[in-house]
Every structure is written in C-alpha cells, then in structure tokens.
Amino acid sequence: MAGTDYWVYVNRAFKKAELHKSKCGSCKYGRTMHGDRTTAKDWWEGPFNSRDRAWECAQSTATTVGGVPTKCALCHP
C-alpha cells in the first residue's frame, strides 16, 4: 500500500462518526478488533484514500446520526 487509508466508524446509538487510520488497532481495515464489520447500530465506512475525503464522510455521517465527527484518540488520524 503506497499511503495510509482511512475509515470512519459510525455508531448510531452513541451518535458518533469517528475517523481512523486503517492500521489502527480499533479499526483493522474496517473489520474492528472483534473481526466483524457491521451491525444494525454500528458500521464502518471506507476505505478512503485521503484523510480529507474520510473527514468529509465523518462530518456528513455524524450529522445523519445526530452527533459530531471525532478523531480516534488511539491512532490520531
């Protein structure tokens, strides 16, 4: 992989959309640390090949679920 990919974790129950680097321990390329990708209340959007595109997704998705976009405190995207 030439650069870093980004993912957005969306959680409808907690009203958040959180930006992650693909190699983040919480993200693991959109599979999460538990090995699954999606449920009815939370899911991953991505991959995005630029941080800006991923952040745009986080902003619009956060609005959709009634929250604010955030950045992962573990990987600091």
Foldseek 3Di string as FASTA:
>chain_A
DPDWWKKWKAFLVVLFTEIDTCVFQQQVNQLGVVRHADDPGIGMDDGDPDPVVNVVVRQVRSVVSVHHYYYDPRHRD
